[in-house]
Amino acid sequence: MRFHYVQAKGLLSAQNGMNIYRGCTHGCIYCDARSKCYQMQHDFEDVEVKQNAPQLLEAALRKKRSRCIISTGAMSDPYIHLEEDLKLMRQCLEIINKYSFGCNIQTKSNRILRDIDLLQSINQKSKCVVQITLTTFDEKMCKILEPDVSTTFERAKALKQLNKAGIPTIVWLSPLMPFLNDTAENIKGIIELCAEANVAGIIFFGAGTTLRSGNREYFYKQIDKNFPGMSKKYHQNFGSSYGISSKNSKELSKLFHAQCQKYNILHTNKEVFKFAYNFAENANKQLSFFD
């Protein structure tokens, strides 16, 4: 496992997002974070570690006049393998809890259960939402698409444990890749897992995926290794398009919304994002100098 430390100059974005790590070791074959547009100056698997992330976060939160939600995981998963030993995410959660801010975490790893005590405390003081990606109901396919991360059923079990702990959850049903996992059986299976785990809502951007320079080449290499000739099929059907839509996109989208309605799960992206990111008024009060 390769990684290197950096002393970062800042941590929080203008929208209060943070990335403790840059790069990943989960090996998901479709990962957009590999794209060249993000101008990563190191190999994707040679993870950049912001060693001073906890100190930067505490300094930033101390300066804020009102509480808000701190988000992480949109670009780099905070629960990659390195987190087991480095515990930088746990340190950051301790700081978020200390100052009574909220948090919104995206991950594919059941390592998040290690920090369930802090997630509960944050949720009791303000707000905590955990977002977990589920890509395929087929465990064999999961090990091909996402080889070095918790499997779909391990993540589903984590969702159940988070729900039992009173922590609201959201699932990203994404991506649905043509000729691989864009099937009705896949959508039904994943939504049933979500219903069993009492997931509040599901983010869904339709049946398809995105490919651009950097992640496209890696994706084609990996699918050809496991499904010989598949990249040729993609070239024939989609060329070099960024947005790749399944030929069954309309039917699968209708099925998705119908299944979510059946189980009373939030299913329009607008309402799911509102549930995830709206901060309660009583938590967003002006900070006291004595807090």
C-alpha atoms as a PDB file:
ATOM      1  CA  MET A   1       0.000   0.000   0.000  1.00  0.00           C
ATOM      2  CA  ARG A   2       1.571   3.259  -1.140  1.00  0.00           C
ATOM      3  CA  PHE A   3       1.008   6.699   0.347  1.00  0.00           C
ATOM      4  CA  HIS A   4       2.824   9.944   0.983  1.00  0.00           C
ATOM      5  CA  TYR A   5       2.286  12.760   3.468  1.00  0.00           C
ATOM      6  CA  VAL A   6       1.725  16.420   2.672  1.00  0.00           C
ATOM      7  CA  GLN A   7       1.285  19.451   4.877  1.00  0.00           C
ATOM      8  CA  ALA A   8      -1.855  20.984   3.375  1.00  0.00           C
ATOM      9  CA  LYS A   9      -2.481  24.728   3.400  1.00  0.00           C
ATOM     10  CA  GLY A  10      -6.226  24.347   3.763  1.00  0.00           C
ATOM     11  CA  LEU A  11      -8.880  21.671   4.170  1.00  0.00           C
ATOM     12  CA  LEU A  12     -12.444  22.966   3.809  1.00  0.00           C
ATOM     13  CA  SER A  13     -13.856  24.041   0.459  1.00  0.00           C
ATOM     14  CA  ALA A  14     -16.193  27.001   0.041  1.00  0.00           C
ATOM     15  CA  GLN A  15     -19.076  24.518   0.442  1.00  0.00           C
ATOM     16  CA  ASN A  16     -17.546  23.045   3.637  1.00  0.00           C
ATOM     17  CA  GLY A  17     -16.391  19.840   1.985  1.00  0.00           C
ATOM     18  CA  MET A  18     -13.134  18.153   2.946  1.00  0.00           C
ATOM     19  CA  ASN A  19     -10.864  15.470   1.530  1.00  0.00           C
ATOM     20  CA  ILE A  20      -8.385  14.024   4.002  1.00  0.00           C
ATOM     21  CA  TYR A  21      -6.992  11.685   1.362  1.00  0.00           C
ATOM     22  CA  ARG A  22      -6.404  12.196  -2.351  1.00  0.00           C
ATOM     23  CA  GLY A  23      -6.391   8.990  -4.341  1.00  0.00           C
ATOM     24  CA  CYS A  24      -7.863   5.629  -3.362  1.00  0.00           C
ATOM     25  CA  THR A  25      -7.095   1.952  -2.858  1.00  0.00           C
ATOM     26  CA  HIS A  26     -10.599   0.548  -3.373  1.00  0.00           C
ATOM     27  CA  GLY A  27      -9.928  -0.207  -7.040  1.00  0.00           C
ATOM     28  CA  CYS A  28     -13.390   0.640  -8.423  1.00  0.00           C
ATOM     29  CA  ILE A  29     -13.001   0.295 -12.176  1.00  0.00           C
ATOM     30  CA  TYR A  30     -15.334   3.210 -13.029  1.00  0.00           C
ATOM     31  CA  CYS A  31     -13.985   5.852 -10.631  1.00  0.00           C
ATOM     32  CA  ASP A  32     -14.337   9.373 -12.037  1.00  0.00           C
ATOM     33  CA  ALA A  33     -11.724  10.671  -9.575  1.00  0.00           C
ATOM     34  CA  ARG A  34      -9.081   9.164 -11.867  1.00  0.00           C
ATOM     35  CA  SER A  35      -9.970  11.725 -14.541  1.00  0.00           C
ATOM     36  CA  LYS A  36      -7.143  13.952 -15.741  1.00  0.00           C
ATOM     37  CA  CYS A  37      -9.255  17.072 -15.236  1.00  0.00           C
ATOM     38  CA  TYR A  38      -8.599  16.845 -11.476  1.00  0.00           C
ATOM     39  CA  GLN A  39      -4.879  17.339 -12.155  1.00  0.00           C
ATOM     40  CA  MET A  40      -3.619  14.786  -9.658  1.00  0.00           C
ATOM     41  CA  GLN A  41       0.176  14.968  -9.663  1.00  0.00           C
ATOM     42  CA  HIS A  42       0.728  11.418  -8.384  1.00  0.00           C
ATOM     43  CA  ASP A  43      -0.410   7.884  -9.147  1.00  0.00           C
ATOM     44  CA  PHE A  44      -3.997   7.328  -8.070  1.00  0.00           C
ATOM     45  CA  GLU A  45      -3.025   4.394  -5.823  1.00  0.00           C
ATOM     46  CA  ASP A  46      -0.168   6.393  -4.241  1.00  0.00           C
ATOM     47  CA  VAL A  47      -2.515   8.125  -1.840  1.00  0.00           C
ATOM     48  CA  GLU A  48      -1.807  11.691  -0.761  1.00  0.00           C
ATOM     49  CA  VAL A  49      -2.397  12.012   2.992  1.00  0.00           C
ATOM     50  CA  LYS A  50      -3.093  15.436   4.464  1.00  0.00           C
ATOM     51  CA  GLN A  51      -1.252  14.790   7.690  1.00  0.00           C
ATOM     52  CA  ASN A  52      -2.364  18.049   9.305  1.00  0.00           C
ATOM     53  CA  ALA A  53      -6.059  17.638   8.363  1.00  0.00           C
ATOM     54  CA  PRO A  54      -7.333  17.536  11.989  1.00  0.00           C
ATOM     55  CA  GLN A  55      -5.430  20.700  12.909  1.00  0.00           C
ATOM     56  CA  LEU A  56      -6.691  22.514   9.807  1.00  0.00           C
ATOM     57  CA  LEU A  57     -10.270  21.429  10.508  1.00  0.00           C
ATOM     58  CA  GLU A  58     -10.203  22.595  14.111  1.00  0.00           C
ATOM     59  CA  ALA A  59      -8.761  25.963  13.099  1.00  0.00           C
ATOM     60  CA  ALA A  60     -11.500  26.374  10.483  1.00  0.00           C
ATOM     61  CA  LEU A  61     -14.370  25.401  12.788  1.00  0.00           C
ATOM     62  CA  ARG A  62     -13.179  27.718  15.549  1.00  0.00           C
ATOM     63  CA  LYS A  63     -13.474  30.645  13.124  1.00  0.00           C
ATOM     64  CA  LYS A  64     -17.000  29.891  11.907  1.00  0.00           C
ATOM     65  CA  ARG A  65     -19.765  32.104  13.245  1.00  0.00           C
ATOM     66  CA  SER A  66     -22.500  29.540  12.662  1.00  0.00           C
ATOM     67  CA  ARG A  67     -22.621  25.785  12.600  1.00  0.00           C
ATOM     68  CA  CYS A  68     -23.047  23.864   9.373  1.00  0.00           C
ATOM     69  CA  ILE A  69     -22.649  20.416   7.856  1.00  0.00           C
ATOM     70  CA  ILE A  70     -19.123  19.264   7.054  1.00  0.00           C
ATOM     71  CA  SER A  71     -19.144  16.916   4.066  1.00  0.00           C
ATOM     72  CA  THR A  72     -16.589  14.353   2.993  1.00  0.00           C
ATOM     73  CA  GLY A  73     -16.247  11.489   0.538  1.00  0.00           C
ATOM     74  CA  ALA A  74     -17.423  13.124  -2.686  1.00  0.00           C
ATOM     75  CA  MET A  75     -13.957  12.882  -4.265  1.00  0.00           C
ATOM     76  CA  SER A  76     -11.944  10.537  -2.044  1.00  0.00           C
ATOM     77  CA  ASP A  77     -13.413   7.952   0.294  1.00  0.00           C
ATOM     78  CA  PRO A  78     -12.442   8.777   3.909  1.00  0.00           C
ATOM     79  CA  TYR A  79     -12.524   5.094   4.878  1.00  0.00           C
ATOM     80  CA  ILE A  80      -9.854   3.672   2.584  1.00  0.00           C
ATOM     81  CA  HIS A  81      -7.502   1.002   3.916  1.00  0.00           C
ATOM     82  CA  LEU A  82      -5.047   3.574   5.322  1.00  0.00           C
ATOM     83  CA  GLU A  83      -7.666   4.921   7.703  1.00  0.00           C
ATOM     84  CA  GLU A  84      -7.464   1.742   9.774  1.00  0.00           C
ATOM     85  CA  ASP A  85      -4.007   2.763  11.014  1.00  0.00           C
ATOM     86  CA  LEU A  86      -3.874   6.535  10.485  1.00  0.00           C
ATOM     87  CA  LYS A  87      -7.290   7.319  12.034  1.00  0.00           C
ATOM     88  CA  LEU A  88      -7.348  10.835  10.562  1.00  0.00           C
ATOM     89  CA  MET A  89     -11.065  10.593   9.780  1.00  0.00           C
ATOM     90  CA  ARG A  90     -11.804   9.600  13.357  1.00  0.00           C
ATOM     91  CA  GLN A  91      -9.789  12.574  14.616  1.00  0.00           C
ATOM     92  CA  CYS A  92     -11.768  14.869  12.331  1.00  0.00           C
ATOM     93  CA  LEU A  93     -15.052  13.415  13.563  1.00  0.00           C
ATOM     94  CA  GLU A  94     -13.938  14.039  17.141  1.00  0.00           C
ATOM     95  CA  ILE A  95     -13.401  17.701  16.255  1.00  0.00           C
ATOM     96  CA  ILE A  96     -16.766  17.973  14.462  1.00  0.00           C
ATOM     97  CA  ASN A  97     -18.388  16.453  17.542  1.00  0.00           C
ATOM     98  CA  LYS A  98     -16.463  18.745  19.903  1.00  0.00           C
ATOM     99  CA  TYR A  99     -17.780  21.873  18.172  1.00  0.00           C
ATOM    100  CA  SER A 100     -21.284  20.455  17.579  1.00  0.00           C
ATOM    101  CA  PHE A 101     -21.173  20.736  13.791  1.00  0.00           C
ATOM    102  CA  GLY A 102     -23.017  18.308  11.529  1.00  0.00           C
ATOM    103  CA  CYS A 103     -21.484  15.859   9.084  1.00  0.00           C
ATOM    104  CA  ASN A 104     -22.393  14.127   5.872  1.00  0.00           C
ATOM    105  CA  ILE A 105     -20.205  11.192   4.868  1.00  0.00           C
ATOM    106  CA  GLN A 106     -20.016   9.297   1.574  1.00  0.00           C
ATOM    107  CA  THR A 107     -18.282   5.914   1.615  1.00  0.00           C
ATOM    108  CA  LYS A 108     -18.294   2.389   0.211  1.00  0.00           C
ATOM    109  CA  SER A 109     -16.624   0.851   3.225  1.00  0.00           C
ATOM    110  CA  ASN A 110     -18.041  -0.792   6.323  1.00  0.00           C
ATOM    111  CA  ARG A 111     -14.999   0.603   8.182  1.00  0.00           C
ATOM    112  CA  ILE A 112     -17.320   3.487   9.027  1.00  0.00           C
ATOM    113  CA  LEU A 113     -18.844   1.268  11.727  1.00  0.00           C
ATOM    114  CA  ARG A 114     -15.670   1.762  13.776  1.00  0.00           C
ATOM    115  CA  ASP A 115     -16.790   5.344  14.378  1.00  0.00           C
ATOM    116  CA  ILE A 116     -20.445   4.679  15.090  1.00  0.00           C
ATOM    117  CA  ASP A 117     -20.093   6.113  18.608  1.00  0.00           C
ATOM    118  CA  LEU A 118     -19.017   9.494  17.218  1.00  0.00           C
ATOM    119  CA  LEU A 119     -21.650   9.436  14.474  1.00  0.00           C
ATOM    120  CA  GLN A 120     -24.335   8.903  17.124  1.00  0.00           C
ATOM    121  CA  SER A 121     -23.024  11.742  19.255  1.00  0.00           C
ATOM    122  CA  ILE A 122     -22.870  14.124  16.292  1.00  0.00           C
ATOM    123  CA  ASN A 123     -26.397  13.167  15.246  1.00  0.00           C
ATOM    124  CA  GLN A 124     -27.717  13.776  18.751  1.00  0.00           C
ATOM    125  CA  LYS A 125     -26.082  17.217  18.931  1.00  0.00           C
ATOM    126  CA  SER A 126     -26.762  18.381  15.390  1.00  0.00           C
ATOM    127  CA  LYS A 127     -27.044  16.147  12.311  1.00  0.00           C
ATOM    128  CA  CYS A 128     -25.224  13.185  10.803  1.00  0.00           C
ATOM    129  CA  VAL A 129     -26.126  11.436   7.549  1.00  0.00           C
ATOM    130  CA  VAL A 130     -24.194   8.530   6.036  1.00  0.00           C
ATOM    131  CA  GLN A 131     -24.339   7.966   2.282  1.00  0.00           C
ATOM    132  CA  ILE A 132     -23.261   4.573   0.927  1.00  0.00           C
ATOM    133  CA  THR A 133     -22.938   3.578  -2.726  1.00  0.00           C
ATOM    134  CA  LEU A 134     -24.508   0.333  -3.901  1.00  0.00           C
ATOM    135  CA  THR A 135     -23.676  -0.568  -7.485  1.00  0.00           C
ATOM    136  CA  THR A 136     -24.658  -4.175  -8.066  1.00  0.00           C
ATOM    137  CA  PHE A 137     -26.788  -6.762  -6.288  1.00  0.00           C
ATOM    138  CA  ASP A 138     -24.613  -9.530  -7.763  1.00  0.00           C
ATOM    139  CA  GLU A 139     -21.722 -10.181  -5.352  1.00  0.00           C
ATOM    140  CA  LYS A 140     -19.586 -11.786  -8.065  1.00  0.00           C
ATOM    141  CA  MET A 141     -20.016  -8.721 -10.277  1.00  0.00           C
ATOM    142  CA  CYS A 142     -19.310  -6.497  -7.278  1.00  0.00           C
ATOM    143  CA  LYS A 143     -15.873  -8.075  -6.802  1.00  0.00           C
ATOM    144  CA  ILE A 144     -15.087  -7.239 -10.445  1.00  0.00           C
ATOM    145  CA  LEU A 145     -16.407  -3.674 -10.451  1.00  0.00           C
ATOM    146  CA  GLU A 146     -15.248  -2.781  -6.920  1.00  0.00           C
ATOM    147  CA  PRO A 147     -12.526  -5.336  -6.109  1.00  0.00           C
ATOM    148  CA  ASP A 148     -10.947  -3.976  -2.920  1.00  0.00           C
ATOM    149  CA  VAL A 149     -13.830  -2.540  -0.945  1.00  0.00           C
ATOM    150  CA  SER A 150     -16.683  -3.947   1.148  1.00  0.00           C
ATOM    151  CA  THR A 151     -19.079  -5.999  -0.939  1.00  0.00           C
ATOM    152  CA  THR A 152     -22.675  -4.976  -1.566  1.00  0.00           C
ATOM    153  CA  PHE A 153     -24.001  -7.235   1.181  1.00  0.00           C
ATOM    154  CA  GLU A 154     -21.363  -6.052   3.648  1.00  0.00           C
ATOM    155  CA  ARG A 155     -22.446  -2.482   2.936  1.00  0.00           C
ATOM    156  CA  ALA A 156     -26.110  -3.457   3.294  1.00  0.00           C
ATOM    157  CA  LYS A 157     -25.314  -4.941   6.698  1.00  0.00           C
ATOM    158  CA  ALA A 158     -23.559  -1.693   7.645  1.00  0.00           C
ATOM    159  CA  LEU A 159     -26.665   0.266   6.603  1.00  0.00           C
ATOM    160  CA  LYS A 160     -28.750  -1.878   8.949  1.00  0.00           C
ATOM    161  CA  GLN A 161     -26.343  -1.300  11.837  1.00  0.00           C
ATOM    162  CA  LEU A 162     -26.334   2.448  11.218  1.00  0.00           C
ATOM    163  CA  ASN A 163     -30.134   2.478  11.174  1.00  0.00           C
ATOM    164  CA  LYS A 164     -30.204   0.514  14.424  1.00  0.00           C
ATOM    165  CA  ALA A 165     -27.936   3.183  15.926  1.00  0.00           C
ATOM    166  CA  GLY A 166     -30.381   5.892  14.866  1.00  0.00           C
ATOM    167  CA  ILE A 167     -28.193   7.331  12.111  1.00  0.00           C
ATOM    168  CA  PRO A 168     -30.085   8.238   8.905  1.00  0.00           C
ATOM    169  CA  THR A 169     -28.731   6.791   5.683  1.00  0.00           C
ATOM    170  CA  ILE A 170     -28.878   7.441   1.954  1.00  0.00           C
ATOM    171  CA  VAL A 171     -27.808   5.160  -0.883  1.00  0.00           C
ATOM    172  CA  TRP A 172     -26.287   6.141  -4.217  1.00  0.00           C
ATOM    173  CA  LEU A 173     -27.494   3.624  -6.821  1.00  0.00           C
ATOM    174  CA  SER A 174     -24.699   4.367  -9.231  1.00  0.00           C
ATOM    175  CA  PRO A 175     -23.313   3.815 -11.770  1.00  0.00           C
ATOM    176  CA  LEU A 176     -25.437   1.533 -13.916  1.00  0.00           C
ATOM    177  CA  MET A 177     -23.028   0.565 -16.678  1.00  0.00           C
ATOM    178  CA  PRO A 178     -24.389  -0.628 -20.036  1.00  0.00           C
ATOM    179  CA  PHE A 179     -24.028  -4.363 -20.656  1.00  0.00           C
ATOM    180  CA  LEU A 180     -22.796  -4.904 -17.081  1.00  0.00           C
ATOM    181  CA  ASN A 181     -25.289  -3.976 -14.349  1.00  0.00           C
ATOM    182  CA  ASP A 182     -28.049  -2.022 -16.141  1.00  0.00           C
ATOM    183  CA  THR A 183     -30.766  -4.580 -15.449  1.00  0.00           C
ATOM    184  CA  ALA A 184     -34.174  -4.619 -13.809  1.00  0.00           C
ATOM    185  CA  GLU A 185     -33.030  -7.431 -11.507  1.00  0.00           C
ATOM    186  CA  ASN A 186     -30.161  -5.284 -10.256  1.00  0.00           C
ATOM    187  CA  ILE A 187     -32.380  -2.300  -9.469  1.00  0.00           C
ATOM    188  CA  LYS A 188     -34.998  -4.432  -7.713  1.00  0.00           C
ATOM    189  CA  GLY A 189     -32.383  -6.280  -5.678  1.00  0.00           C
ATOM    190  CA  ILE A 190     -30.637  -3.125  -4.467  1.00  0.00           C
ATOM    191  CA  ILE A 191     -33.880  -1.346  -3.586  1.00  0.00           C
ATOM    192  CA  GLU A 192     -35.013  -4.374  -1.580  1.00  0.00           C
ATOM    193  CA  LEU A 193     -31.743  -4.201   0.380  1.00  0.00           C
ATOM    194  CA  CYS A 194     -32.384  -0.494   0.971  1.00  0.00           C
ATOM    195  CA  ALA A 195     -35.898  -1.181   2.202  1.00  0.00           C
ATOM    196  CA  GLU A 196     -34.647  -3.853   4.611  1.00  0.00           C
ATOM    197  CA  ALA A 197     -32.121  -1.345   5.986  1.00  0.00           C
ATOM    198  CA  ASN A 198     -34.738   1.432   6.297  1.00  0.00           C
ATOM    199  CA  VAL A 199     -32.741   3.755   4.039  1.00  0.00           C
ATOM    200  CA  ALA A 200     -34.277   7.227   3.934  1.00  0.00           C
ATOM    201  CA  GLY A 201     -33.589   7.958   0.273  1.00  0.00           C
ATOM    202  CA  ILE A 202     -31.774   6.858  -2.870  1.00  0.00           C
ATOM    203  CA  ILE A 203     -29.782   9.075  -5.234  1.00  0.00           C
ATOM    204  CA  PHE A 204     -30.234   8.001  -8.854  1.00  0.00           C
ATOM    205  CA  PHE A 205     -28.956   9.752 -11.960  1.00  0.00           C
ATOM    206  CA  GLY A 206     -30.502   7.346 -14.433  1.00  0.00           C
ATOM    207  CA  ALA A 207     -29.161   4.203 -16.050  1.00  0.00           C
ATOM    208  CA  GLY A 208     -25.729   5.051 -17.365  1.00  0.00           C
ATOM    209  CA  THR A 209     -22.260   6.189 -16.408  1.00  0.00           C
ATOM    210  CA  THR A 210     -19.666   8.823 -17.262  1.00  0.00           C
ATOM    211  CA  LEU A 211     -16.314   8.326 -18.946  1.00  0.00           C
ATOM    212  CA  ARG A 212     -13.654  10.937 -19.561  1.00  0.00           C
ATOM    213  CA  SER A 213      -9.944  11.049 -20.150  1.00  0.00           C
ATOM    214  CA  GLY A 214      -8.107   9.318 -17.339  1.00  0.00           C
ATOM    215  CA  ASN A 215     -10.850   7.083 -16.019  1.00  0.00           C
ATOM    216  CA  ARG A 216     -11.994   5.962 -19.507  1.00  0.00           C
ATOM    217  CA  GLU A 217      -8.686   4.243 -20.274  1.00  0.00           C
ATOM    218  CA  TYR A 218      -8.576   2.492 -16.909  1.00  0.00           C
ATOM    219  CA  PHE A 219     -12.206   1.403 -17.229  1.00  0.00           C
ATOM    220  CA  TYR A 220     -11.666  -0.110 -20.686  1.00  0.00           C
ATOM    221  CA  LYS A 221      -8.567  -1.957 -19.542  1.00  0.00           C
ATOM    222  CA  GLN A 222     -10.380  -3.490 -16.582  1.00  0.00           C
ATOM    223  CA  ILE A 223     -13.564  -4.499 -18.395  1.00  0.00           C
ATOM    224  CA  ASP A 224     -11.563  -6.127 -21.195  1.00  0.00           C
ATOM    225  CA  LYS A 225      -9.629  -8.104 -18.585  1.00  0.00           C
ATOM    226  CA  ASN A 226     -12.856  -9.488 -17.143  1.00  0.00           C
ATOM    227  CA  PHE A 227     -15.143  -9.265 -20.194  1.00  0.00           C
ATOM    228  CA  PRO A 228     -12.978  -9.672 -23.316  1.00  0.00           C
ATOM    229  CA  GLY A 229     -13.986  -7.348 -26.135  1.00  0.00           C
ATOM    230  CA  MET A 230     -16.298  -5.218 -23.976  1.00  0.00           C
ATOM    231  CA  SER A 231     -14.406  -1.977 -24.665  1.00  0.00           C
ATOM    232  CA  LYS A 232     -14.962  -2.516 -28.403  1.00  0.00           C
ATOM    233  CA  LYS A 233     -18.686  -2.778 -27.709  1.00  0.00           C
ATOM    234  CA  TYR A 234     -18.547   0.520 -25.824  1.00  0.00           C
ATOM    235  CA  HIS A 235     -16.636   2.193 -28.673  1.00  0.00           C
ATOM    236  CA  GLN A 236     -19.175   0.965 -31.208  1.00  0.00           C
ATOM    237  CA  ASN A 237     -22.159   2.175 -29.204  1.00  0.00           C
ATOM    238  CA  PHE A 238     -20.877   5.348 -27.535  1.00  0.00           C
ATOM    239  CA  GLY A 239     -17.674   6.480 -29.230  1.00  0.00           C
ATOM    240  CA  SER A 240     -15.829   8.895 -26.962  1.00  0.00           C
ATOM    241  CA  SER A 241     -18.939  10.352 -25.297  1.00  0.00           C
ATOM    242  CA  TYR A 242     -18.696  11.617 -21.738  1.00  0.00           C
ATOM    243  CA  GLY A 243     -22.234  10.627 -20.786  1.00  0.00           C
ATOM    244  CA  ILE A 244     -22.964   6.950 -21.459  1.00  0.00           C
ATOM    245  CA  SER A 245     -26.650   6.084 -21.301  1.00  0.00           C
ATOM    246  CA  SER A 246     -28.131   2.597 -21.208  1.00  0.00           C
ATOM    247  CA  LYS A 247     -30.470   1.743 -24.086  1.00  0.00           C
ATOM    248  CA  ASN A 248     -32.990   0.742 -21.389  1.00  0.00           C
ATOM    249  CA  SER A 249     -32.585   3.981 -19.433  1.00  0.00           C
ATOM    250  CA  LYS A 250     -36.225   5.124 -19.605  1.00  0.00           C
ATOM    251  CA  GLU A 251     -37.661   1.759 -18.579  1.00  0.00           C
ATOM    252  CA  LEU A 252     -35.137   1.320 -15.779  1.00  0.00           C
ATOM    253  CA  SER A 253     -35.784   4.833 -14.455  1.00  0.00           C
ATOM    254  CA  LYS A 254     -39.531   4.158 -14.347  1.00  0.00           C
ATOM    255  CA  LEU A 255     -38.860   0.921 -12.508  1.00  0.00           C
ATOM    256  CA  PHE A 256     -36.571   2.667 -10.028  1.00  0.00           C
ATOM    257  CA  HIS A 257     -39.153   5.298  -9.069  1.00  0.00           C
ATOM    258  CA  ALA A 258     -41.967   2.725  -8.876  1.00  0.00           C
ATOM    259  CA  GLN A 259     -39.944   0.455  -6.589  1.00  0.00           C
ATOM    260  CA  CYS A 260     -39.006   3.350  -4.304  1.00  0.00           C
ATOM    261  CA  GLN A 261     -42.644   4.402  -4.054  1.00  0.00           C
ATOM    262  CA  LYS A 262     -43.544   0.808  -3.194  1.00  0.00           C
ATOM    263  CA  TYR A 263     -41.186   0.894  -0.196  1.00  0.00           C
ATOM    264  CA  ASN A 264     -41.803   4.561   0.734  1.00  0.00           C
ATOM    265  CA  ILE A 265     -38.206   5.617   0.022  1.00  0.00           C
ATOM    266  CA  LEU A 266     -37.369   9.188  -1.041  1.00  0.00           C
ATOM    267  CA  HIS A 267     -36.366   8.969  -4.702  1.00  0.00           C
ATOM    268  CA  THR A 268     -36.131  12.355  -6.398  1.00  0.00           C
ATOM    269  CA  ASN A 269     -32.632  13.760  -6.131  1.00  0.00           C
ATOM    270  CA  LYS A 270     -33.964  17.157  -5.025  1.00  0.00           C
ATOM    271  CA  GLU A 271     -35.776  15.768  -1.991  1.00  0.00           C
ATOM    272  CA  VAL A 272     -32.962  13.366  -1.096  1.00  0.00           C
ATOM    273  CA  PHE A 273     -30.311  16.096  -1.197  1.00  0.00           C
ATOM    274  CA  LYS A 274     -32.607  18.342   0.860  1.00  0.00           C
ATOM    275  CA  PHE A 275     -32.920  15.589   3.457  1.00  0.00           C
ATOM    276  CA  ALA A 276     -29.153  15.088   3.500  1.00  0.00           C
ATOM    277  CA  TYR A 277     -27.877  18.651   3.592  1.00  0.00           C
ATOM    278  CA  ASN A 278     -30.519  20.901   5.168  1.00  0.00           C
ATOM    279  CA  PHE A 279     -29.226  21.818   8.591  1.00  0.00           C
ATOM    280  CA  ALA A 280     -31.692  22.079  11.483  1.00  0.00           C
ATOM    281  CA  GLU A 281     -32.338  25.614  12.688  1.00  0.00           C
ATOM    282  CA  ASN A 282     -31.593  24.772  16.294  1.00  0.00           C
ATOM    283  CA  ALA A 283     -28.211  23.387  15.263  1.00  0.00           C
ATOM    284  CA  ASN A 284     -27.390  26.348  13.041  1.00  0.00           C
ATOM    285  CA  LYS A 285     -27.608  28.943  15.782  1.00  0.00           C
ATOM    286  CA  GLN A 286     -24.902  31.565  16.167  1.00  0.00           C
ATOM    287  CA  LEU A 287     -21.894  30.224  18.005  1.00  0.00           C
ATOM    288  CA  SER A 288     -21.250  31.459  21.497  1.00  0.00           C
ATOM    289  CA  PHE A 289     -17.794  32.551  22.538  1.00  0.00           C
ATOM    290  CA  PHE A 290     -18.275  30.199  25.468  1.00  0.00           C
ATOM    291  CA  ASP A 291     -18.991  27.077  23.348  1.00  0.00           C
END
